[in-house]
Amino acid sequence: MKRIVKLGIKHRTYAEQKALLGFLFVLPWLLGFILFFIIPLVNSFRYSLSKIEANSSGIKISYIGFENYINALTVNTSFNRTLTEAILNMVVNVPLIVIFSLFLAVLLNQKFIGRSIARSIFFLPVILASGVIMTLETSSLVQAVNDQNQGSGGAIHALGAYELAGLMMDAGVSESVVDYLTGAVERIYQIVSQSGVQILIFLAGIQTISPQLYEASKMEGATGYEAFWKITFPMVSPLILVNMIYTIIDSFSRNGMTDLIKETGFTNFDFGLSSAMAWLYFASIMLILLVSSYIVSKKVFYQE
């Protein structure tokens, strides 16, 4: 046994040993990726080009080309509308979530009484938005609360947004910016509930910044505002790219588009059309990720 180890391991270079151990480490993930992702992915693309019919012996798959894609884009009355709504919601929510997460991470990094409790509170929506609790959000109890909010509470909320818009318009802010910010106020629950992971990522990045940089800037007379824009923001800019990608994927994983795909496949039993919708949705996500990553990565500061 020792001889085999000697011949197999000790005669390898250090780099080769690291490569071999690294491959053995990722081997379980690689097998799971092939069995549980690649094979279903290939089958999904095959189904999107086929018509699937059930018969006595199982299912019959007939190749029909791109007919399912054409039906999704030109015949189905819900696909284009739902996809457009999902993209528009993503365009609005992602900047708000990233900015809100960075702002909260800076605040939670300060020293104050109850800091640990405050961090737990802002991460709590991540737990609440998972599993059974996520299902409860669509229950009749939550619907009743929403109906109540649309009453007197909704009127107060609308009045507050109207007053905020009036103040900003009087201050000379452009109408497009006012509309965007008032829309952010209306989306506050959605923004807070989807910001937990991003806050943790930003918080971890801020804590890796050397305190000596802040001490040196303070000795030079820099204010907290200047220290943020000259030190904190450049140092965490790579995490802005990471959080942006995470937020885009997270926003696309829970919206009306995924519900439409599930309904088409498992309620209407049109698996070919459902697969075509999923691939069109996947292509839209990849295009948005490529464009946004290219734009943001050019502004990212990487510390050497």
C-alpha atoms as a PDB file:
ATOM      1  CA  MET A   1       0.000   0.000   0.000  1.00  0.00           C
ATOM      2  CA  LYS A   2       2.805   2.371   0.906  1.00  0.00           C
ATOM      3  CA  ARG A   3       4.487   1.528  -2.364  1.00  0.00           C
ATOM      4  CA  ILE A   4       1.336   2.380  -4.331  1.00  0.00           C
ATOM      5  CA  VAL A   5       1.014   5.685  -2.495  1.00  0.00           C
ATOM      6  CA  LYS A   6       4.672   6.369  -3.092  1.00  0.00           C
ATOM      7  CA  LEU A   7       4.386   5.636  -6.816  1.00  0.00           C
ATOM      8  CA  GLY A   8       1.028   7.348  -7.235  1.00  0.00           C
ATOM      9  CA  ILE A   9       1.333  10.469  -5.098  1.00  0.00           C
ATOM     10  CA  LYS A  10       4.871  11.229  -4.079  1.00  0.00           C
ATOM     11  CA  HIS A  11       6.166  11.046  -7.653  1.00  0.00           C
ATOM     12  CA  ARG A  12       3.730  13.773  -8.650  1.00  0.00           C
ATOM     13  CA  THR A  13       4.602  17.433  -8.428  1.00  0.00           C
ATOM     14  CA  TYR A  14       2.913  19.639  -5.851  1.00  0.00           C
ATOM     15  CA  ALA A  15       0.769  21.261  -8.534  1.00  0.00           C
ATOM     16  CA  GLU A  16      -0.342  17.844  -9.826  1.00  0.00           C
ATOM     17  CA  GLN A  17      -1.233  16.716  -6.302  1.00  0.00           C
ATOM     18  CA  LYS A  18      -3.320  19.850  -5.779  1.00  0.00           C
ATOM     19  CA  ALA A  19      -5.073  19.337  -9.116  1.00  0.00           C
ATOM     20  CA  LEU A  20      -5.838  15.683  -8.296  1.00  0.00           C
ATOM     21  CA  LEU A  21      -7.173  16.482  -4.814  1.00  0.00           C
ATOM     22  CA  GLY A  22      -9.202  19.355  -6.243  1.00  0.00           C
ATOM     23  CA  PHE A  23     -10.759  17.044  -8.820  1.00  0.00           C
ATOM     24  CA  LEU A  24     -11.632  14.480  -6.133  1.00  0.00           C
ATOM     25  CA  PHE A  25     -13.165  17.268  -4.044  1.00  0.00           C
ATOM     26  CA  VAL A  26     -15.507  18.468  -6.828  1.00  0.00           C
ATOM     27  CA  LEU A  27     -16.256  14.969  -8.147  1.00  0.00           C
ATOM     28  CA  PRO A  28     -19.524  14.541  -6.146  1.00  0.00           C
ATOM     29  CA  TRP A  29     -20.749  17.933  -7.406  1.00  0.00           C
ATOM     30  CA  LEU A  30     -19.703  17.052 -10.962  1.00  0.00           C
ATOM     31  CA  LEU A  31     -21.649  13.781 -10.895  1.00  0.00           C
ATOM     32  CA  GLY A  32     -24.705  15.530  -9.477  1.00  0.00           C
ATOM     33  CA  PHE A  33     -24.401  18.292 -12.082  1.00  0.00           C
ATOM     34  CA  ILE A  34     -24.346  15.768 -14.918  1.00  0.00           C
ATOM     35  CA  LEU A  35     -27.113  13.528 -13.582  1.00  0.00           C
ATOM     36  CA  PHE A  36     -29.492  16.129 -12.144  1.00  0.00           C
ATOM     37  CA  PHE A  37     -28.851  19.161 -14.387  1.00  0.00           C
ATOM     38  CA  ILE A  38     -27.288  18.342 -17.752  1.00  0.00           C
ATOM     39  CA  ILE A  39     -29.561  15.398 -18.555  1.00  0.00           C
ATOM     40  CA  PRO A  40     -32.805  17.250 -17.624  1.00  0.00           C
ATOM     41  CA  LEU A  41     -31.520  20.300 -19.519  1.00  0.00           C
ATOM     42  CA  VAL A  42     -31.001  18.261 -22.689  1.00  0.00           C
ATOM     43  CA  ASN A  43     -34.383  16.583 -22.275  1.00  0.00           C
ATOM     44  CA  SER A  44     -36.049  19.962 -21.754  1.00  0.00           C
ATOM     45  CA  PHE A  45     -34.605  21.292 -25.014  1.00  0.00           C
ATOM     46  CA  ARG A  46     -35.712  18.108 -26.753  1.00  0.00           C
ATOM     47  CA  TYR A  47     -39.242  18.529 -25.378  1.00  0.00           C
ATOM     48  CA  SER A  48     -39.339  22.166 -26.539  1.00  0.00           C
ATOM     49  CA  LEU A  49     -38.886  20.943 -30.118  1.00  0.00           C
ATOM     50  CA  SER A  50     -41.479  18.213 -29.807  1.00  0.00           C
ATOM     51  CA  LYS A  51     -45.160  17.534 -29.294  1.00  0.00           C
ATOM     52  CA  ILE A  52     -45.735  15.289 -26.289  1.00  0.00           C
ATOM     53  CA  GLU A  53     -48.837  13.112 -26.151  1.00  0.00           C
ATOM     54  CA  ALA A  54     -49.841  10.519 -23.595  1.00  0.00           C
ATOM     55  CA  ASN A  55     -50.907   7.051 -24.750  1.00  0.00           C
ATOM     56  CA  SER A  56     -51.431   3.598 -23.264  1.00  0.00           C
ATOM     57  CA  SER A  57     -47.717   2.748 -23.398  1.00  0.00           C
ATOM     58  CA  GLY A  58     -46.496   6.009 -21.898  1.00  0.00           C
ATOM     59  CA  ILE A  59     -45.758   9.216 -23.778  1.00  0.00           C
ATOM     60  CA  LYS A  60     -45.255   9.810 -27.482  1.00  0.00           C
ATOM     61  CA  ILE A  61     -42.693  12.443 -28.502  1.00  0.00           C
ATOM     62  CA  SER A  62     -43.065  13.824 -32.027  1.00  0.00           C
ATOM     63  CA  TYR A  63     -40.548  16.294 -33.456  1.00  0.00           C
ATOM     64  CA  ILE A  64     -42.244  19.518 -34.657  1.00  0.00           C
ATOM     65  CA  GLY A  65     -39.300  21.918 -34.871  1.00  0.00           C
ATOM     66  CA  PHE A  66     -39.727  25.445 -33.521  1.00  0.00           C
ATOM     67  CA  GLU A  67     -43.517  25.401 -33.520  1.00  0.00           C
ATOM     68  CA  ASN A  68     -43.682  25.606 -29.712  1.00  0.00           C
ATOM     69  CA  TYR A  69     -41.460  28.689 -29.738  1.00  0.00           C
ATOM     70  CA  ILE A  70     -43.654  30.344 -32.365  1.00  0.00           C
ATOM     71  CA  ASN A  71     -46.771  29.531 -30.358  1.00  0.00           C
ATOM     72  CA  ALA A  72     -45.257  31.006 -27.202  1.00  0.00           C
ATOM     73  CA  LEU A  73     -44.310  34.258 -28.927  1.00  0.00           C
ATOM     74  CA  THR A  74     -47.264  34.752 -31.270  1.00  0.00           C
ATOM     75  CA  VAL A  75     -50.210  32.608 -30.155  1.00  0.00           C
ATOM     76  CA  ASN A  76     -50.117  32.413 -26.370  1.00  0.00           C
ATOM     77  CA  THR A  77     -51.760  35.516 -24.918  1.00  0.00           C
ATOM     78  CA  SER A  78     -49.938  35.474 -21.568  1.00  0.00           C
ATOM     79  CA  PHE A  79     -46.285  34.766 -22.369  1.00  0.00           C
ATOM     80  CA  ASN A  80     -45.178  38.108 -23.855  1.00  0.00           C
ATOM     81  CA  ARG A  81     -47.063  40.138 -21.259  1.00  0.00           C
ATOM     82  CA  THR A  82     -45.770  38.088 -18.311  1.00  0.00           C
ATOM     83  CA  LEU A  83     -42.182  38.112 -19.611  1.00  0.00           C
ATOM     84  CA  THR A  84     -42.292  41.885 -20.127  1.00  0.00           C
ATOM     85  CA  GLU A  85     -43.640  42.428 -16.614  1.00  0.00           C
ATOM     86  CA  ALA A  86     -40.914  40.203 -15.147  1.00  0.00           C
ATOM     87  CA  ILE A  87     -38.160  42.119 -16.963  1.00  0.00           C
ATOM     88  CA  LEU A  88     -39.570  45.530 -16.014  1.00  0.00           C
ATOM     89  CA  ASN A  89     -39.890  44.506 -12.361  1.00  0.00           C
ATOM     90  CA  MET A  90     -36.308  43.292 -12.432  1.00  0.00           C
ATOM     91  CA  VAL A  91     -35.060  46.556 -13.950  1.00  0.00           C
ATOM     92  CA  VAL A  92     -36.802  48.529 -11.204  1.00  0.00           C
ATOM     93  CA  ASN A  93     -36.062  46.256  -8.239  1.00  0.00           C
ATOM     94  CA  VAL A  94     -32.422  45.285  -8.769  1.00  0.00           C
ATOM     95  CA  PRO A  95     -30.895  48.800  -8.381  1.00  0.00           C
ATOM     96  CA  LEU A  96     -33.141  49.497  -5.390  1.00  0.00           C
ATOM     97  CA  ILE A  97     -32.207  46.234  -3.671  1.00  0.00           C
ATOM     98  CA  VAL A  98     -28.472  46.677  -4.266  1.00  0.00           C
ATOM     99  CA  ILE A  99     -28.462  50.309  -3.068  1.00  0.00           C
ATOM    100  CA  PHE A 100     -30.635  49.493  -0.049  1.00  0.00           C
ATOM    101  CA  SER A 101     -28.405  46.521   0.856  1.00  0.00           C
ATOM    102  CA  LEU A 102     -25.228  48.599   0.680  1.00  0.00           C
ATOM    103  CA  PHE A 103     -26.799  51.363   2.753  1.00  0.00           C
ATOM    104  CA  LEU A 104     -27.980  48.918   5.434  1.00  0.00           C
ATOM    105  CA  ALA A 105     -24.638  47.087   5.470  1.00  0.00           C
ATOM    106  CA  VAL A 106     -22.806  50.361   6.159  1.00  0.00           C
ATOM    107  CA  LEU A 107     -25.212  51.161   8.993  1.00  0.00           C
ATOM    108  CA  LEU A 108     -25.050  47.673  10.497  1.00  0.00           C
ATOM    109  CA  ASN A 109     -21.266  47.798  10.448  1.00  0.00           C
ATOM    110  CA  GLN A 110     -21.306  50.689  12.910  1.00  0.00           C
ATOM    111  CA  LYS A 111     -20.903  50.059  16.635  1.00  0.00           C
ATOM    112  CA  PHE A 112     -24.165  50.525  18.533  1.00  0.00           C
ATOM    113  CA  ILE A 113     -26.169  48.731  21.210  1.00  0.00           C
ATOM    114  CA  GLY A 114     -28.195  45.824  19.820  1.00  0.00           C
ATOM    115  CA  ARG A 115     -26.184  45.527  16.614  1.00  0.00           C
ATOM    116  CA  SER A 116     -26.429  41.709  16.552  1.00  0.00           C
ATOM    117  CA  ILE A 117     -30.199  41.857  16.986  1.00  0.00           C
ATOM    118  CA  ALA A 118     -30.502  44.413  14.186  1.00  0.00           C
ATOM    119  CA  ARG A 119     -28.480  42.192  11.850  1.00  0.00           C
ATOM    120  CA  SER A 120     -30.699  39.234  12.676  1.00  0.00           C
ATOM    121  CA  ILE A 121     -33.837  41.265  11.992  1.00  0.00           C
ATOM    122  CA  PHE A 122     -32.710  42.267   8.508  1.00  0.00           C
ATOM    123  CA  PHE A 123     -31.732  38.677   7.682  1.00  0.00           C
ATOM    124  CA  LEU A 124     -35.026  37.325   9.006  1.00  0.00           C
ATOM    125  CA  PRO A 125     -36.935  37.880   5.699  1.00  0.00           C
ATOM    126  CA  VAL A 126     -34.590  35.350   4.033  1.00  0.00           C
ATOM    127  CA  ILE A 127     -35.812  32.694   6.469  1.00  0.00           C
ATOM    128  CA  LEU A 128     -39.419  33.816   6.206  1.00  0.00           C
ATOM    129  CA  ALA A 129     -39.291  33.652   2.400  1.00  0.00           C
ATOM    130  CA  SER A 130     -38.342  29.970   2.334  1.00  0.00           C
ATOM    131  CA  GLY A 131     -40.179  26.670   2.570  1.00  0.00           C
ATOM    132  CA  VAL A 132     -43.562  26.419   4.206  1.00  0.00           C
ATOM    133  CA  ILE A 133     -43.547  30.025   5.427  1.00  0.00           C
ATOM    134  CA  MET A 134     -43.237  31.217   1.824  1.00  0.00           C
ATOM    135  CA  THR A 135     -46.349  29.222   0.979  1.00  0.00           C
ATOM    136  CA  LEU A 136     -48.235  30.843   3.827  1.00  0.00           C
ATOM    137  CA  GLU A 137     -47.744  34.234   2.191  1.00  0.00           C
ATOM    138  CA  THR A 138     -50.313  33.245  -0.399  1.00  0.00           C
ATOM    139  CA  SER A 139     -52.828  31.977   2.148  1.00  0.00           C
ATOM    140  CA  SER A 140     -56.192  33.543   2.849  1.00  0.00           C
ATOM    141  CA  LEU A 141     -54.880  35.141   6.049  1.00  0.00           C
ATOM    142  CA  VAL A 142     -52.285  37.172   4.198  1.00  0.00           C
ATOM    143  CA  GLN A 143     -54.854  38.001   1.538  1.00  0.00           C
ATOM    144  CA  ALA A 144     -57.103  39.398   4.252  1.00  0.00           C
ATOM    145  CA  VAL A 145     -54.250  41.548   5.550  1.00  0.00           C
ATOM    146  CA  ASN A 146     -53.606  42.825   2.033  1.00  0.00           C
ATOM    147  CA  ASP A 147     -57.281  43.672   1.628  1.00  0.00           C
ATOM    148  CA  GLN A 148     -57.163  45.617   4.867  1.00  0.00           C
ATOM    149  CA  ASN A 149     -54.073  47.481   3.691  1.00  0.00           C
ATOM    150  CA  GLN A 150     -55.947  48.488   0.574  1.00  0.00           C
ATOM    151  CA  GLY A 151     -58.488  50.199   2.817  1.00  0.00           C
ATOM    152  CA  SER A 152     -57.589  52.896   5.345  1.00  0.00           C
ATOM    153  CA  GLY A 153     -53.954  51.756   5.558  1.00  0.00           C
ATOM    154  CA  GLY A 154     -53.625  51.901   1.798  1.00  0.00           C
ATOM    155  CA  ALA A 155     -55.078  55.394   1.741  1.00  0.00           C
ATOM    156  CA  ILE A 156     -52.537  56.585   4.326  1.00  0.00           C
ATOM    157  CA  HIS A 157     -49.744  54.943   2.346  1.00  0.00           C
ATOM    158  CA  ALA A 158     -50.863  56.628  -0.877  1.00  0.00           C
ATOM    159  CA  LEU A 159     -51.113  59.967   0.902  1.00  0.00           C
ATOM    160  CA  GLY A 160     -47.559  59.613   2.221  1.00  0.00           C
ATOM    161  CA  ALA A 161     -46.229  58.792  -1.256  1.00  0.00           C
ATOM    162  CA  TYR A 162     -48.109  61.801  -2.682  1.00  0.00           C
ATOM    163  CA  GLU A 163     -46.581  64.131  -0.086  1.00  0.00           C
ATOM    164  CA  LEU A 164     -43.101  62.720  -0.758  1.00  0.00           C
ATOM    165  CA  ALA A 165     -43.545  63.320  -4.491  1.00  0.00           C
ATOM    166  CA  GLY A 166     -44.706  66.888  -3.840  1.00  0.00           C
ATOM    167  CA  LEU A 167     -41.668  67.660  -1.674  1.00  0.00           C
ATOM    168  CA  MET A 168     -39.245  66.332  -4.275  1.00  0.00           C
ATOM    169  CA  MET A 169     -40.963  68.185  -7.111  1.00  0.00           C
ATOM    170  CA  ASP A 170     -40.752  71.433  -5.100  1.00  0.00           C
ATOM    171  CA  ALA A 171     -37.033  70.764  -4.563  1.00  0.00           C
ATOM    172  CA  GLY A 172     -36.461  70.667  -8.334  1.00  0.00           C
ATOM    173  CA  VAL A 173     -36.098  66.890  -8.771  1.00  0.00           C
ATOM    174  CA  SER A 174     -37.023  65.664 -12.242  1.00  0.00           C
ATOM    175  CA  GLU A 175     -40.349  63.919 -12.705  1.00  0.00           C
ATOM    176  CA  SER A 176     -38.794  60.626 -13.842  1.00  0.00           C
ATOM    177  CA  VAL A 177     -36.661  60.430 -10.674  1.00  0.00           C
ATOM    178  CA  VAL A 178     -39.708  61.260  -8.525  1.00  0.00           C
ATOM    179  CA  ASP A 179     -41.744  58.504 -10.161  1.00  0.00           C
ATOM    180  CA  TYR A 180     -38.923  56.022  -9.616  1.00  0.00           C
ATOM    181  CA  LEU A 181     -38.509  56.912  -5.925  1.00  0.00           C
ATOM    182  CA  THR A 182     -42.222  56.915  -5.169  1.00  0.00           C
ATOM    183  CA  GLY A 183     -42.420  53.526  -6.863  1.00  0.00           C
ATOM    184  CA  ALA A 184     -39.604  52.386  -4.560  1.00  0.00           C
ATOM    185  CA  VAL A 185     -41.685  53.426  -1.553  1.00  0.00           C
ATOM    186  CA  GLU A 186     -44.545  51.291  -2.813  1.00  0.00           C
ATOM    187  CA  ARG A 187     -42.174  48.325  -3.213  1.00  0.00           C
ATOM    188  CA  ILE A 188     -40.569  48.658   0.231  1.00  0.00           C
ATOM    189  CA  TYR A 189     -41.783  45.260   1.499  1.00  0.00           C
ATOM    190  CA  GLN A 190     -40.497  43.467  -1.586  1.00  0.00           C
ATOM    191  CA  ILE A 191     -37.148  45.285  -1.381  1.00  0.00           C
ATOM    192  CA  VAL A 192     -36.609  44.492   2.306  1.00  0.00           C
ATOM    193  CA  SER A 193     -37.678  40.858   1.931  1.00  0.00           C
ATOM    194  CA  GLN A 194     -35.183  40.270  -0.895  1.00  0.00           C
ATOM    195  CA  SER A 195     -32.180  42.101   0.585  1.00  0.00           C
ATOM    196  CA  GLY A 196     -31.049  39.765   3.385  1.00  0.00           C
ATOM    197  CA  VAL A 197     -28.348  37.840   1.531  1.00  0.00           C
ATOM    198  CA  GLN A 198     -27.055  40.967  -0.192  1.00  0.00           C
ATOM    199  CA  ILE A 199     -26.716  42.758   3.150  1.00  0.00           C
ATOM    200  CA  LEU A 200     -24.634  39.880   4.521  1.00  0.00           C
ATOM    201  CA  ILE A 201     -22.370  39.885   1.466  1.00  0.00           C
ATOM    202  CA  PHE A 202     -21.800  43.634   1.662  1.00  0.00           C
ATOM    203  CA  LEU A 203     -21.296  43.443   5.427  1.00  0.00           C
ATOM    204  CA  ALA A 204     -18.641  40.739   5.055  1.00  0.00           C
ATOM    205  CA  GLY A 205     -16.886  42.809   2.386  1.00  0.00           C
ATOM    206  CA  ILE A 206     -16.919  45.987   4.488  1.00  0.00           C
ATOM    207  CA  GLN A 207     -15.423  44.144   7.446  1.00  0.00           C
ATOM    208  CA  THR A 208     -12.447  43.044   5.335  1.00  0.00           C
ATOM    209  CA  ILE A 209     -11.439  46.665   4.661  1.00  0.00           C
ATOM    210  CA  SER A 210      -8.400  47.610   6.726  1.00  0.00           C
ATOM    211  CA  PRO A 211      -9.253  50.092   9.544  1.00  0.00           C
ATOM    212  CA  GLN A 212      -5.919  51.770   8.833  1.00  0.00           C
ATOM    213  CA  LEU A 213      -7.364  53.228   5.631  1.00  0.00           C
ATOM    214  CA  TYR A 214     -10.119  54.977   7.587  1.00  0.00           C
ATOM    215  CA  GLU A 215      -7.660  56.135  10.252  1.00  0.00           C
ATOM    216  CA  ALA A 216      -5.356  57.614   7.625  1.00  0.00           C
ATOM    217  CA  SER A 217      -8.248  59.371   5.863  1.00  0.00           C
ATOM    218  CA  LYS A 218      -9.501  60.758   9.183  1.00  0.00           C
ATOM    219  CA  MET A 219      -6.041  62.150   9.954  1.00  0.00           C
ATOM    220  CA  GLU A 220      -6.070  63.834   6.546  1.00  0.00           C
ATOM    221  CA  GLY A 221      -9.348  65.531   7.432  1.00  0.00           C
ATOM    222  CA  ALA A 222     -11.713  63.401   5.337  1.00  0.00           C
ATOM    223  CA  THR A 223     -15.352  63.340   6.402  1.00  0.00           C
ATOM    224  CA  GLY A 224     -17.421  60.186   6.738  1.00  0.00           C
ATOM    225  CA  TYR A 225     -19.100  60.993   3.442  1.00  0.00           C
ATOM    226  CA  GLU A 226     -15.745  61.296   1.656  1.00  0.00           C
ATOM    227  CA  ALA A 227     -14.440  58.113   3.313  1.00  0.00           C
ATOM    228  CA  PHE A 228     -17.448  56.213   1.991  1.00  0.00           C
ATOM    229  CA  TRP A 229     -16.995  57.324  -1.617  1.00  0.00           C
ATOM    230  CA  LYS A 230     -13.182  57.155  -1.617  1.00  0.00           C
ATOM    231  CA  ILE A 231     -12.655  53.975   0.442  1.00  0.00           C
ATOM    232  CA  THR A 232     -15.773  51.926   1.173  1.00  0.00           C
ATOM    233  CA  PHE A 233     -17.476  52.149  -2.200  1.00  0.00           C
ATOM    234  CA  PRO A 234     -14.398  51.303  -4.351  1.00  0.00           C
ATOM    235  CA  MET A 235     -13.391  48.447  -2.041  1.00  0.00           C
ATOM    236  CA  VAL A 236     -16.818  46.787  -2.128  1.00  0.00           C
ATOM    237  CA  SER A 237     -17.474  47.468  -5.821  1.00  0.00           C
ATOM    238  CA  PRO A 238     -16.662  43.846  -6.808  1.00  0.00           C
ATOM    239  CA  LEU A 239     -19.423  42.782  -4.429  1.00  0.00           C
ATOM    240  CA  ILE A 240     -21.827  45.121  -6.214  1.00  0.00           C
ATOM    241  CA  LEU A 241     -21.346  42.984  -9.319  1.00  0.00           C
ATOM    242  CA  VAL A 242     -21.848  39.781  -7.296  1.00  0.00           C
ATOM    243  CA  ASN A 243     -24.998  41.092  -5.609  1.00  0.00           C
ATOM    244  CA  MET A 244     -26.365  42.407  -8.883  1.00  0.00           C
ATOM    245  CA  ILE A 245     -26.039  38.974 -10.519  1.00  0.00           C
ATOM    246  CA  TYR A 246     -27.523  37.263  -7.470  1.00  0.00           C
ATOM    247  CA  THR A 247     -30.440  39.707  -7.331  1.00  0.00           C
ATOM    248  CA  ILE A 248     -31.212  39.337 -11.039  1.00  0.00           C
ATOM    249  CA  ILE A 249     -31.334  35.553 -10.766  1.00  0.00           C
ATOM    250  CA  ASP A 250     -33.326  35.719  -7.530  1.00  0.00           C
ATOM    251  CA  SER A 251     -35.861  38.125  -9.045  1.00  0.00           C
ATOM    252  CA  PHE A 252     -36.339  35.865 -12.061  1.00  0.00           C
ATOM    253  CA  SER A 253     -36.779  32.742  -9.916  1.00  0.00           C
ATOM    254  CA  ARG A 254     -39.933  34.011  -8.203  1.00  0.00           C
ATOM    255  CA  ASN A 255     -42.415  35.837 -10.389  1.00  0.00           C
ATOM    256  CA  GLY A 256     -45.397  35.281 -12.627  1.00  0.00           C
ATOM    257  CA  MET A 257     -43.259  33.835 -15.412  1.00  0.00           C
ATOM    258  CA  THR A 258     -42.271  30.766 -13.419  1.00  0.00           C
ATOM    259  CA  ASP A 259     -45.905  30.304 -12.393  1.00  0.00           C
ATOM    260  CA  LEU A 260     -46.981  30.481 -16.048  1.00  0.00           C
ATOM    261  CA  ILE A 261     -44.406  27.845 -17.044  1.00  0.00           C
ATOM    262  CA  LYS A 262     -45.530  25.515 -14.246  1.00  0.00           C
ATOM    263  CA  GLU A 263     -49.205  26.039 -15.078  1.00  0.00           C
ATOM    264  CA  THR A 264     -48.655  25.344 -18.779  1.00  0.00           C
ATOM    265  CA  GLY A 265     -46.748  22.142 -18.071  1.00  0.00           C
ATOM    266  CA  PHE A 266     -48.428  20.620 -15.035  1.00  0.00           C
ATOM    267  CA  THR A 267     -51.964  22.027 -15.265  1.00  0.00           C
ATOM    268  CA  ASN A 268     -52.550  22.185 -19.034  1.00  0.00           C
ATOM    269  CA  PHE A 269     -50.148  19.243 -19.615  1.00  0.00           C
ATOM    270  CA  ASP A 270     -48.545  20.983 -22.589  1.00  0.00           C
ATOM    271  CA  PHE A 271     -44.956  20.080 -21.749  1.00  0.00           C
ATOM    272  CA  GLY A 272     -43.632  21.033 -25.174  1.00  0.00           C
ATOM    273  CA  LEU A 273     -44.938  24.613 -24.939  1.00  0.00           C
ATOM    274  CA  SER A 274     -43.872  24.817 -21.295  1.00  0.00           C
ATOM    275  CA  SER A 275     -40.315  23.780 -22.200  1.00  0.00           C
ATOM    276  CA  ALA A 276     -40.209  26.331 -25.019  1.00  0.00           C
ATOM    277  CA  MET A 277     -41.330  29.064 -22.618  1.00  0.00           C
ATOM    278  CA  ALA A 278     -38.650  28.003 -20.154  1.00  0.00           C
ATOM    279  CA  TRP A 279     -35.917  28.181 -22.814  1.00  0.00           C
ATOM    280  CA  LEU A 280     -37.066  31.600 -24.012  1.00  0.00           C
ATOM    281  CA  TYR A 281     -37.103  32.740 -20.403  1.00  0.00           C
ATOM    282  CA  PHE A 282     -33.623  31.294 -19.876  1.00  0.00           C
ATOM    283  CA  ALA A 283     -32.323  33.085 -22.991  1.00  0.00           C
ATOM    284  CA  SER A 284     -33.760  36.394 -21.747  1.00  0.00           C
ATOM    285  CA  ILE A 285     -32.086  35.962 -18.361  1.00  0.00           C
ATOM    286  CA  MET A 286     -28.724  35.118 -19.927  1.00  0.00           C
ATOM    287  CA  LEU A 287     -28.886  38.126 -22.240  1.00  0.00           C
ATOM    288  CA  ILE A 288     -29.677  40.476 -19.361  1.00  0.00           C
ATOM    289  CA  LEU A 289     -26.908  38.952 -17.242  1.00  0.00           C
ATOM    290  CA  LEU A 290     -24.323  39.305 -20.014  1.00  0.00           C
ATOM    291  CA  VAL A 291     -25.197  42.928 -20.777  1.00  0.00           C
ATOM    292  CA  SER A 292     -25.448  44.059 -17.141  1.00  0.00           C
ATOM    293  CA  SER A 293     -22.282  42.186 -16.112  1.00  0.00           C
ATOM    294  CA  TYR A 294     -20.329  43.721 -18.987  1.00  0.00           C
ATOM    295  CA  ILE A 295     -21.461  47.241 -18.100  1.00  0.00           C
ATOM    296  CA  VAL A 296     -20.897  46.955 -14.340  1.00  0.00           C
ATOM    297  CA  SER A 297     -17.589  45.041 -14.569  1.00  0.00           C
ATOM    298  CA  LYS A 298     -16.002  47.982 -16.434  1.00  0.00           C
ATOM    299  CA  LYS A 299     -16.617  50.186 -13.382  1.00  0.00           C
ATOM    300  CA  VAL A 300     -15.461  47.666 -10.776  1.00  0.00           C
ATOM    301  CA  PHE A 301     -12.318  48.374  -8.768  1.00  0.00           C
ATOM    302  CA  TYR A 302     -10.169  45.326  -8.061  1.00  0.00           C
ATOM    303  CA  GLN A 303      -7.572  45.695  -5.321  1.00  0.00           C
ATOM    304  CA  GLU A 304      -4.177  44.254  -6.196  1.00  0.00           C
END
